[in-house]
PDB file of N, CA and C in Angstrom:
ATOM      1  N   MET A   1     -27.746  55.851 -14.576  1.00  0.00           N
ATOM      2  CA  MET A   1     -26.656  57.042 -16.034  1.00  0.00           C
ATOM      3  C   MET A   1     -27.686  57.268 -17.045  1.00  0.00           C
ATOM      4  N   ALA A   2     -28.334  57.881 -17.703  1.00  0.00           N
ATOM      5  CA  ALA A   2     -29.186  58.285 -18.842  1.00  0.00           C
ATOM      6  C   ALA A   2     -27.556  58.481 -19.995  1.00  0.00           C
ATOM      7  N   PHE A   3     -27.532  58.746 -20.793  1.00  0.00           N
ATOM      8  CA  PHE A   3     -26.693  58.705 -22.022  1.00  0.00           C
ATOM      9  C   PHE A   3     -27.554  59.224 -22.774  1.00  0.00           C
ATOM     10  N   THR A   4     -26.853  60.089 -24.153  1.00  0.00           N
ATOM     11  CA  THR A   4     -27.904  60.949 -24.979  1.00  0.00           C
ATOM     12  C   THR A   4     -26.678  60.791 -25.776  1.00  0.00           C
ATOM     13  N   PRO A   5     -26.865  59.822 -27.065  1.00  0.00           N
ATOM     14  CA  PRO A   5     -25.421  60.580 -27.889  1.00  0.00           C
ATOM     15  C   PRO A   5     -25.668  62.206 -28.261  1.00  0.00           C
ATOM     16  N   LEU A   6     -25.314  62.758 -29.449  1.00  0.00           N
ATOM     17  CA  LEU A   6     -25.713  64.276 -29.703  1.00  0.00           C
ATOM     18  C   LEU A   6     -24.393  64.132 -31.401  1.00  0.00           C
ATOM     19  N   HIS A   7     -25.618  65.250 -32.264  1.00  0.00           N
ATOM     20  CA  HIS A   7     -25.149  64.932 -33.361  1.00  0.00           C
ATOM     21  C   HIS A   7     -25.939  64.156 -34.185  1.00  0.00           C
ATOM     22  N   ASP A   8     -24.909  63.054 -35.125  1.00  0.00           N
ATOM     23  CA  ASP A   8     -25.212  62.252 -35.549  1.00  0.00           C
ATOM     24  C   ASP A   8     -24.357  61.026 -35.341  1.00  0.00           C
ATOM     25  N   ARG A   9     -24.801  61.365 -34.309  1.00  0.00           N
ATOM     26  CA  ARG A   9     -24.121  59.664 -33.574  1.00  0.00           C
ATOM     27  C   ARG A   9     -25.456  58.592 -33.152  1.00  0.00           C
ATOM     28  N   VAL A  10     -24.967  57.925 -32.620  1.00  0.00           N
ATOM     29  CA  VAL A  10     -25.825  56.267 -32.594  1.00  0.00           C
ATOM     30  C   VAL A  10     -25.560  55.805 -30.947  1.00  0.00           C
ATOM     31  N   LEU A  11     -26.000  55.040 -30.042  1.00  0.00           N
ATOM     32  CA  LEU A  11     -25.724  53.993 -29.183  1.00  0.00           C
ATOM     33  C   LEU A  11     -26.195  53.291 -28.987  1.00  0.00           C
ATOM     34  N   VAL A  12     -25.541  51.985 -28.993  1.00  0.00           N
ATOM     35  CA  VAL A  12     -25.528  50.911 -30.366  1.00  0.00           C
ATOM     36  C   VAL A  12     -25.197  49.060 -29.051  1.00  0.00           C
ATOM     37  N   ARG A  13     -26.334  48.385 -28.863  1.00  0.00           N
ATOM     38  CA  ARG A  13     -26.069  46.841 -28.114  1.00  0.00           C
ATOM     39  C   ARG A  13     -25.236  46.219 -29.097  1.00  0.00           C
ATOM     40  N   ARG A  14     -24.810  44.993 -28.719  1.00  0.00           N
ATOM     41  CA  ARG A  14     -24.270  43.925 -29.597  1.00  0.00           C
ATOM     42  C   ARG A  14     -25.001  43.233 -29.718  1.00  0.00           C
ATOM     43  N   VAL A  15     -25.610  42.370 -30.847  1.00  0.00           N
ATOM     44  CA  VAL A  15     -26.976  41.481 -30.961  1.00  0.00           C
ATOM     45  C   VAL A  15     -25.565  40.027 -30.977  1.00  0.00           C
ATOM     46  N   GLU A  16     -25.443  39.566 -29.293  1.00  0.00           N
ATOM     47  CA  GLU A  16     -24.732  37.716 -29.865  1.00  0.00           C
ATOM     48  C   GLU A  16     -24.991  36.942 -30.832  1.00  0.00           C
ATOM     49  N   GLY A  17     -24.008  36.632 -31.293  1.00  0.00           N
ATOM     50  CA  GLY A  17     -24.576  35.517 -33.141  1.00  0.00           C
ATOM     51  C   GLY A  17     -24.908  34.579 -32.714  1.00  0.00           C
ATOM     52  N   GLU A  18     -25.067  33.169 -32.778  1.00  0.00           N
ATOM     53  CA  GLU A  18     -25.393  31.724 -32.896  1.00  0.00           C
ATOM     54  C   GLU A  18     -23.878  31.233 -32.282  1.00  0.00           C
ATOM     55  N   GLU A  19     -24.548  30.530 -31.652  1.00  0.00           N
ATOM     56  CA  GLU A  19     -23.809  29.665 -30.776  1.00  0.00           C
ATOM     57  C   GLU A  19     -22.949  28.285 -31.645  1.00  0.00           C
ATOM     58  N   LYS A  20     -24.128  28.074 -32.824  1.00  0.00           N
ATOM     59  CA  LYS A  20     -23.986  26.521 -33.821  1.00  0.00           C
ATOM     60  C   LYS A  20     -23.617  27.388 -34.749  1.00  0.00           C
ATOM     61  N   THR A  21     -22.283  26.369 -35.458  1.00  0.00           N
ATOM     62  CA  THR A  21     -22.509  26.323 -36.638  1.00  0.00           C
ATOM     63  C   THR A  21     -23.882  25.970 -37.617  1.00  0.00           C
ATOM     64  N   ALA A  22     -23.986  25.809 -39.031  1.00  0.00           N
ATOM     65  CA  ALA A  22     -25.998  25.718 -39.904  1.00  0.00           C
ATOM     66  C   ALA A  22     -24.984  23.888 -39.889  1.00  0.00           C
ATOM     67  N   GLY A  23     -24.308  23.010 -38.879  1.00  0.00           N
ATOM     68  CA  GLY A  23     -23.943  21.437 -39.565  1.00  0.00           C
ATOM     69  C   GLY A  23     -23.704  20.871 -37.671  1.00  0.00           C
ATOM     70  N   GLY A  24     -24.513  22.402 -36.485  1.00  0.00           N
ATOM     71  CA  GLY A  24     -24.466  21.571 -35.346  1.00  0.00           C
ATOM     72  C   GLY A  24     -23.498  21.905 -34.480  1.00  0.00           C
ATOM     73  N   LEU A  25     -22.720  22.600 -35.094  1.00  0.00           N
ATOM     74  CA  LEU A  25     -21.023  22.506 -34.140  1.00  0.00           C
ATOM     75  C   LEU A  25     -21.433  23.621 -33.485  1.00  0.00           C
ATOM     76  N   ILE A  26     -20.935  22.929 -31.895  1.00  0.00           N
ATOM     77  CA  ILE A  26     -20.713  24.667 -31.298  1.00  0.00           C
ATOM     78  C   ILE A  26     -19.614  24.810 -31.856  1.00  0.00           C
ATOM     79  N   ILE A  27     -19.148  26.536 -31.503  1.00  0.00           N
ATOM     80  CA  ILE A  27     -18.517  27.293 -31.806  1.00  0.00           C
ATOM     81  C   ILE A  27     -18.008  27.708 -30.318  1.00  0.00           C
ATOM     82  N   PRO A  28     -16.611  27.815 -29.933  1.00  0.00           N
ATOM     83  CA  PRO A  28     -16.308  28.044 -28.987  1.00  0.00           C
ATOM     84  C   PRO A  28     -15.830  29.421 -28.668  1.00  0.00           C
ATOM     85  N   ASP A  29     -16.292  30.445 -27.477  1.00  0.00           N
ATOM     86  CA  ASP A  29     -16.053  31.478 -27.031  1.00  0.00           C
ATOM     87  C   ASP A  29     -14.352  32.374 -27.958  1.00  0.00           C
ATOM     88  N   THR A  30     -13.351  31.760 -27.225  1.00  0.00           N
ATOM     89  CA  THR A  30     -12.257  31.495 -28.033  1.00  0.00           C
ATOM     90  C   THR A  30     -12.231  31.814 -29.658  1.00  0.00           C
ATOM     91  N   ALA A  31     -13.241  31.337 -30.344  1.00  0.00           N
ATOM     92  CA  ALA A  31     -13.426  31.413 -32.049  1.00  0.00           C
ATOM     93  C   ALA A  31     -14.330  32.181 -32.070  1.00  0.00           C
ATOM     94  N   LYS A  32     -15.052  33.301 -31.713  1.00  0.00           N
ATOM     95  CA  LYS A  32     -15.846  33.939 -32.364  1.00  0.00           C
ATOM     96  C   LYS A  32     -15.317  35.054 -32.884  1.00  0.00           C
ATOM     97  N   GLU A  33     -16.073  35.624 -33.995  1.00  0.00           N
ATOM     98  CA  GLU A  33     -16.025  37.097 -33.688  1.00  0.00           C
ATOM     99  C   GLU A  33     -17.092  37.951 -33.183  1.00  0.00           C
ATOM    100  N   LYS A  34     -16.709  39.880 -32.907  1.00  0.00           N
ATOM    101  CA  LYS A  34     -17.853  40.003 -31.995  1.00  0.00           C
ATOM    102  C   LYS A  34     -18.520  40.246 -33.803  1.00  0.00           C
ATOM    103  N   PRO A  35     -19.504  40.598 -33.019  1.00  0.00           N
ATOM    104  CA  PRO A  35     -20.965  40.274 -33.539  1.00  0.00           C
ATOM    105  C   PRO A  35     -20.738  41.757 -35.019  1.00  0.00           C
ATOM    106  N   SER A  36     -21.324  41.911 -36.073  1.00  0.00           N
ATOM    107  CA  SER A  36     -21.480  43.590 -36.510  1.00  0.00           C
ATOM    108  C   SER A  36     -23.524  43.308 -36.352  1.00  0.00           C
ATOM    109  N   GLU A  37     -23.819  42.930 -35.839  1.00  0.00           N
ATOM    110  CA  GLU A  37     -25.754  43.675 -35.785  1.00  0.00           C
ATOM    111  C   GLU A  37     -25.254  43.768 -34.055  1.00  0.00           C
ATOM    112  N   GLY A  38     -26.716  44.844 -34.279  1.00  0.00           N
ATOM    113  CA  GLY A  38     -26.390  45.409 -32.968  1.00  0.00           C
ATOM    114  C   GLY A  38     -28.007  45.613 -32.739  1.00  0.00           C
ATOM    115  N   GLU A  39     -28.621  46.327 -31.656  1.00  0.00           N
ATOM    116  CA  GLU A  39     -29.918  46.882 -32.060  1.00  0.00           C
ATOM    117  C   GLU A  39     -29.844  48.913 -31.269  1.00  0.00           C
ATOM    118  N   VAL A  40     -29.362  49.640 -31.721  1.00  0.00           N
ATOM    119  CA  VAL A  40     -29.891  50.639 -31.629  1.00  0.00           C
ATOM    120  C   VAL A  40     -30.799  50.978 -30.367  1.00  0.00           C
ATOM    121  N   VAL A  41     -30.187  51.482 -29.257  1.00  0.00           N
ATOM    122  CA  VAL A  41     -29.984  52.077 -27.528  1.00  0.00           C
ATOM    123  C   VAL A  41     -31.065  53.635 -27.832  1.00  0.00           C
ATOM    124  N   SER A  42     -30.634  54.438 -28.590  1.00  0.00           N
ATOM    125  CA  SER A  42     -30.856  55.653 -28.656  1.00  0.00           C
ATOM    126  C   SER A  42     -29.578  56.407 -29.486  1.00  0.00           C
ATOM    127  N   VAL A  43     -30.439  57.603 -30.474  1.00  0.00           N
ATOM    128  CA  VAL A  43     -29.771  58.281 -30.610  1.00  0.00           C
ATOM    129  C   VAL A  43     -30.147  60.439 -30.594  1.00  0.00           C
ATOM    130  N   GLY A  44     -28.865  60.418 -31.390  1.00  0.00           N
ATOM    131  CA  GLY A  44     -28.394  61.973 -31.720  1.00  0.00           C
ATOM    132  C   GLY A  44     -29.677  62.953 -32.236  1.00  0.00           C
ATOM    133  N   GLU A  45     -30.012  63.651 -32.109  1.00  0.00           N
ATOM    134  CA  GLU A  45     -30.887  64.862 -32.755  1.00  0.00           C
ATOM    135  C   GLU A  45     -30.661  65.022 -34.537  1.00  0.00           C
ATOM    136  N   GLY A  46     -28.915  64.278 -35.510  1.00  0.00           N
ATOM    137  CA  GLY A  46     -28.867  64.584 -36.219  1.00  0.00           C
ATOM    138  C   GLY A  46     -27.731  65.644 -36.606  1.00  0.00           C
ATOM    139  N   ALA A  47     -27.672  65.176 -37.980  1.00  0.00           N
ATOM    140  CA  ALA A  47     -26.361  66.792 -37.961  1.00  0.00           C
ATOM    141  C   ALA A  47     -26.503  67.615 -38.846  1.00  0.00           C
ATOM    142  N   ARG A  48     -26.833  68.634 -39.215  1.00  0.00           N
ATOM    143  CA  ARG A  48     -26.977  69.788 -39.658  1.00  0.00           C
ATOM    144  C   ARG A  48     -25.725  70.268 -41.436  1.00  0.00           C
ATOM    145  N   LYS A  49     -26.951  70.432 -41.688  1.00  0.00           N
ATOM    146  CA  LYS A  49     -26.510  71.243 -43.084  1.00  0.00           C
ATOM    147  C   LYS A  49     -25.445  72.535 -42.881  1.00  0.00           C
ATOM    148  N   ASP A  50     -25.181  73.209 -43.982  1.00  0.00           N
ATOM    149  CA  ASP A  50     -24.313  74.391 -43.348  1.00  0.00           C
ATOM    150  C   ASP A  50     -24.995  75.094 -43.440  1.00  0.00           C
ATOM    151  N   ASN A  51     -26.006  75.602 -43.670  1.00  0.00           N
ATOM    152  CA  ASN A  51     -26.316  76.502 -43.384  1.00  0.00           C
ATOM    153  C   ASN A  51     -28.109  76.495 -42.050  1.00  0.00           C
ATOM    154  N   GLY A  52     -27.701  75.667 -41.107  1.00  0.00           N
ATOM    155  CA  GLY A  52     -27.816  74.660 -39.825  1.00  0.00           C
ATOM    156  C   GLY A  52     -29.144  74.357 -40.135  1.00  0.00           C
ATOM    157  N   GLU A  53     -30.255  74.354 -41.198  1.00  0.00           N
ATOM    158  CA  GLU A  53     -30.548  72.784 -41.019  1.00  0.00           C
ATOM    159  C   GLU A  53     -30.902  71.295 -40.580  1.00  0.00           C
ATOM    160  N   LEU A  54     -30.944  71.053 -39.867  1.00  0.00           N
ATOM    161  CA  LEU A  54     -31.782  69.859 -39.423  1.00  0.00           C
ATOM    162  C   LEU A  54     -31.445  68.839 -40.625  1.00  0.00           C
ATOM    163  N   ILE A  55     -30.786  66.994 -40.223  1.00  0.00           N
ATOM    164  CA  ILE A  55     -30.585  66.439 -41.114  1.00  0.00           C
ATOM    165  C   ILE A  55     -31.276  65.306 -40.161  1.00  0.00           C
ATOM    166  N   ALA A  56     -32.680  64.556 -40.997  1.00  0.00           N
ATOM    167  CA  ALA A  56     -33.701  63.933 -39.762  1.00  0.00           C
ATOM    168  C   ALA A  56     -32.122  62.442 -39.956  1.00  0.00           C
ATOM    169  N   MET A  57     -32.768  61.402 -38.573  1.00  0.00           N
ATOM    170  CA  MET A  57     -31.658  60.413 -38.323  1.00  0.00           C
ATOM    171  C   MET A  57     -32.260  59.311 -38.903  1.00  0.00           C
ATOM    172  N   ALA A  58     -32.017  58.561 -40.090  1.00  0.00           N
ATOM    173  CA  ALA A  58     -32.277  57.706 -40.699  1.00  0.00           C
ATOM    174  C   ALA A  58     -32.699  55.609 -39.714  1.00  0.00           C
ATOM    175  N   VAL A  59     -32.126  56.933 -38.734  1.00  0.00           N
ATOM    176  CA  VAL A  59     -32.340  54.710 -37.454  1.00  0.00           C
ATOM    177  C   VAL A  59     -33.210  55.841 -36.218  1.00  0.00           C
ATOM    178  N   ALA A  60     -33.771  54.698 -35.558  1.00  0.00           N
ATOM    179  CA  ALA A  60     -33.887  55.301 -34.444  1.00  0.00           C
ATOM    180  C   ALA A  60     -34.362  54.417 -32.820  1.00  0.00           C
ATOM    181  N   ALA A  61     -34.304  54.333 -32.202  1.00  0.00           N
ATOM    182  CA  ALA A  61     -34.134  53.371 -30.841  1.00  0.00           C
ATOM    183  C   ALA A  61     -35.307  51.896 -31.236  1.00  0.00           C
ATOM    184  N   GLY A  62     -34.601  50.536 -30.750  1.00  0.00           N
ATOM    185  CA  GLY A  62     -35.358  49.993 -31.786  1.00  0.00           C
ATOM    186  C   GLY A  62     -34.952  48.900 -32.452  1.00  0.00           C
ATOM    187  N   ASP A  63     -33.964  50.078 -33.554  1.00  0.00           N
ATOM    188  CA  ASP A  63     -33.900  49.535 -34.587  1.00  0.00           C
ATOM    189  C   ASP A  63     -33.325  48.386 -34.458  1.00  0.00           C
ATOM    190  N   ARG A  64     -32.823  47.177 -35.218  1.00  0.00           N
ATOM    191  CA  ARG A  64     -32.040  45.791 -35.455  1.00  0.00           C
ATOM    192  C   ARG A  64     -30.860  46.701 -36.664  1.00  0.00           C
ATOM    193  N   ILE A  65     -29.379  46.439 -36.730  1.00  0.00           N
ATOM    194  CA  ILE A  65     -29.171  46.541 -37.164  1.00  0.00           C
ATOM    195  C   ILE A  65     -27.895  45.981 -38.122  1.00  0.00           C
ATOM    196  N   LEU A  66     -27.142  46.580 -39.356  1.00  0.00           N
ATOM    197  CA  LEU A  66     -25.455  45.592 -39.321  1.00  0.00           C
ATOM    198  C   LEU A  66     -24.921  46.798 -39.753  1.00  0.00           C
ATOM    199  N   PHE A  67     -23.327  46.920 -39.024  1.00  0.00           N
ATOM    200  CA  PHE A  67     -22.542  47.782 -38.741  1.00  0.00           C
ATOM    201  C   PHE A  67     -21.348  47.099 -39.667  1.00  0.00           C
ATOM    202  N   GLY A  68     -20.351  47.815 -39.664  1.00  0.00           N
ATOM    203  CA  GLY A  68     -18.617  46.886 -39.828  1.00  0.00           C
ATOM    204  C   GLY A  68     -18.148  46.541 -39.111  1.00  0.00           C
ATOM    205  N   LYS A  69     -17.170  45.618 -39.088  1.00  0.00           N
ATOM    206  CA  LYS A  69     -16.268  45.086 -38.659  1.00  0.00           C
ATOM    207  C   LYS A  69     -15.573  45.833 -36.938  1.00  0.00           C
ATOM    208  N   TRP A  70     -14.732  47.124 -37.794  1.00  0.00           N
ATOM    209  CA  TRP A  70     -14.140  47.831 -36.362  1.00  0.00           C
ATOM    210  C   TRP A  70     -15.042  49.548 -36.077  1.00  0.00           C
ATOM    211  N   SER A  71     -16.175  49.383 -36.847  1.00  0.00           N
ATOM    212  CA  SER A  71     -17.078  50.445 -36.539  1.00  0.00           C
ATOM    213  C   SER A  71     -17.777  50.787 -35.137  1.00  0.00           C
ATOM    214  N   GLY A  72     -17.276  52.227 -34.648  1.00  0.00           N
ATOM    215  CA  GLY A  72     -17.421  52.789 -33.426  1.00  0.00           C
ATOM    216  C   GLY A  72     -15.968  52.381 -32.512  1.00  0.00           C
ATOM    217  N   THR A  73     -17.067  52.770 -31.702  1.00  0.00           N
ATOM    218  CA  THR A  73     -16.489  53.313 -29.892  1.00  0.00           C
ATOM    219  C   THR A  73     -17.222  52.438 -28.816  1.00  0.00           C
ATOM    220  N   GLU A  74     -15.845  51.545 -28.691  1.00  0.00           N
ATOM    221  CA  GLU A  74     -16.985  50.812 -27.092  1.00  0.00           C
ATOM    222  C   GLU A  74     -16.746  51.488 -26.233  1.00  0.00           C
ATOM    223  N   VAL A  75     -17.508  52.193 -25.252  1.00  0.00           N
ATOM    224  CA  VAL A  75     -18.156  52.736 -24.104  1.00  0.00           C
ATOM    225  C   VAL A  75     -18.997  51.129 -23.289  1.00  0.00           C
ATOM    226  N   THR A  76     -18.755  51.559 -21.864  1.00  0.00           N
ATOM    227  CA  THR A  76     -19.125  50.700 -20.187  1.00  0.00           C
ATOM    228  C   THR A  76     -20.178  52.319 -20.089  1.00  0.00           C
ATOM    229  N   VAL A  77     -21.308  52.125 -20.008  1.00  0.00           N
ATOM    230  CA  VAL A  77     -22.666  52.431 -19.669  1.00  0.00           C
ATOM    231  C   VAL A  77     -23.304  51.990 -18.566  1.00  0.00           C
ATOM    232  N   ASP A  78     -23.563  52.056 -17.513  1.00  0.00           N
ATOM    233  CA  ASP A  78     -24.247  51.733 -16.061  1.00  0.00           C
ATOM    234  C   ASP A  78     -23.854  50.115 -16.168  1.00  0.00           C
ATOM    235  N   GLY A  79     -22.569  49.526 -16.818  1.00  0.00           N
ATOM    236  CA  GLY A  79     -21.951  48.301 -16.645  1.00  0.00           C
ATOM    237  C   GLY A  79     -21.928  48.192 -17.903  1.00  0.00           C
ATOM    238  N   GLU A  80     -23.018  47.980 -18.800  1.00  0.00           N
ATOM    239  CA  GLU A  80     -22.691  47.570 -20.004  1.00  0.00           C
ATOM    240  C   GLU A  80     -22.227  47.704 -21.475  1.00  0.00           C
ATOM    241  N   GLU A  81     -21.339  46.771 -21.946  1.00  0.00           N
ATOM    242  CA  GLU A  81     -20.016  47.349 -23.395  1.00  0.00           C
ATOM    243  C   GLU A  81     -21.775  47.598 -23.817  1.00  0.00           C
ATOM    244  N   LEU A  82     -21.344  48.546 -24.794  1.00  0.00           N
ATOM    245  CA  LEU A  82     -21.566  49.945 -25.446  1.00  0.00           C
ATOM    246  C   LEU A  82     -21.259  49.820 -26.707  1.00  0.00           C
ATOM    247  N   LEU A  83     -22.111  50.818 -28.063  1.00  0.00           N
ATOM    248  CA  LEU A  83     -20.926  51.002 -29.080  1.00  0.00           C
ATOM    249  C   LEU A  83     -21.494  52.820 -29.152  1.00  0.00           C
ATOM    250  N   ILE A  84     -20.622  53.463 -29.467  1.00  0.00           N
ATOM    251  CA  ILE A  84     -20.728  55.041 -29.964  1.00  0.00           C
ATOM    252  C   ILE A  84     -20.886  54.865 -31.390  1.00  0.00           C
ATOM    253  N   MET A  85     -21.466  55.211 -32.126  1.00  0.00           N
ATOM    254  CA  MET A  85     -20.788  55.535 -33.999  1.00  0.00           C
ATOM    255  C   MET A  85     -21.904  56.427 -34.445  1.00  0.00           C
ATOM    256  N   LYS A  86     -20.935  56.765 -35.608  1.00  0.00           N
ATOM    257  CA  LYS A  86     -21.572  57.825 -36.377  1.00  0.00           C
ATOM    258  C   LYS A  86     -22.180  57.184 -37.400  1.00  0.00           C
ATOM    259  N   GLU A  87     -23.851  57.991 -37.511  1.00  0.00           N
ATOM    260  CA  GLU A  87     -24.428  56.890 -38.624  1.00  0.00           C
ATOM    261  C   GLU A  87     -23.900  56.608 -39.996  1.00  0.00           C
ATOM    262  N   SER A  88     -23.070  57.019 -40.160  1.00  0.00           N
ATOM    263  CA  SER A  88     -22.946  56.417 -41.636  1.00  0.00           C
ATOM    264  C   SER A  88     -22.186  55.154 -41.528  1.00  0.00           C
ATOM    265  N   ASP A  89     -21.372  54.751 -40.119  1.00  0.00           N
ATOM    266  CA  ASP A  89     -21.033  53.453 -40.014  1.00  0.00           C
ATOM    267  C   ASP A  89     -21.803  52.341 -40.148  1.00  0.00           C
ATOM    268  N   ILE A  90     -22.790  52.928 -40.549  1.00  0.00           N
ATOM    269  CA  ILE A  90     -24.513  51.943 -39.807  1.00  0.00           C
ATOM    270  C   ILE A  90     -25.022  51.677 -41.459  1.00  0.00           C
ATOM    271  N   MET A  91     -24.477  50.216 -41.990  1.00  0.00           N
ATOM    272  CA  MET A  91     -24.388  49.408 -43.286  1.00  0.00           C
ATOM    273  C   MET A  91     -26.152  49.134 -43.522  1.00  0.00           C
ATOM    274  N   GLY A  92     -26.804  49.366 -42.740  1.00  0.00           N
ATOM    275  CA  GLY A  92     -28.273  48.916 -42.833  1.00  0.00           C
ATOM    276  C   GLY A  92     -29.026  48.498 -41.906  1.00  0.00           C
ATOM    277  N   LYS A  93     -30.627  48.484 -41.779  1.00  0.00           N
ATOM    278  CA  LYS A  93     -31.661  47.918 -40.760  1.00  0.00           C
ATOM    279  C   LYS A  93     -31.842  46.453 -41.269  1.00  0.00           C
ATOM    280  N   LEU A  94     -32.375  46.218 -39.993  1.00  0.00           N
ATOM    281  CA  LEU A  94     -32.621  44.378 -40.584  1.00  0.00           C
ATOM    282  C   LEU A  94     -34.472  44.447 -39.876  1.00  0.00           C
ATOM    283  N   SER A  95     -34.734  43.939 -40.741  1.00  0.00           N
ATOM    284  CA  SER A  95     -35.738  43.862 -40.428  1.00  0.00           C
ATOM    285  C   SER A  95     -37.105  42.742 -40.396  1.00  0.00           C
TER     286      SER A  95
END
């Protein structure tokens, strides 16, 4: 099943964080926080101004991004857990 977000929404796959601390300690799954870093899977066409003009999206599929801890809605697409969020929930792109 293909999923394409509408308007200014973005479909994101979480990127797992490090398994160890800087000192070499292994972090157990129960102590890990959900990562706030992800990869953009797909984007909508963008928001529209009051006059109907399209506002282009600042992110594209394949971009690595940072987002807020409580951002987005979790969904399952083809057995994979993904997030749908508004573009405004994205804090920035990683290069």
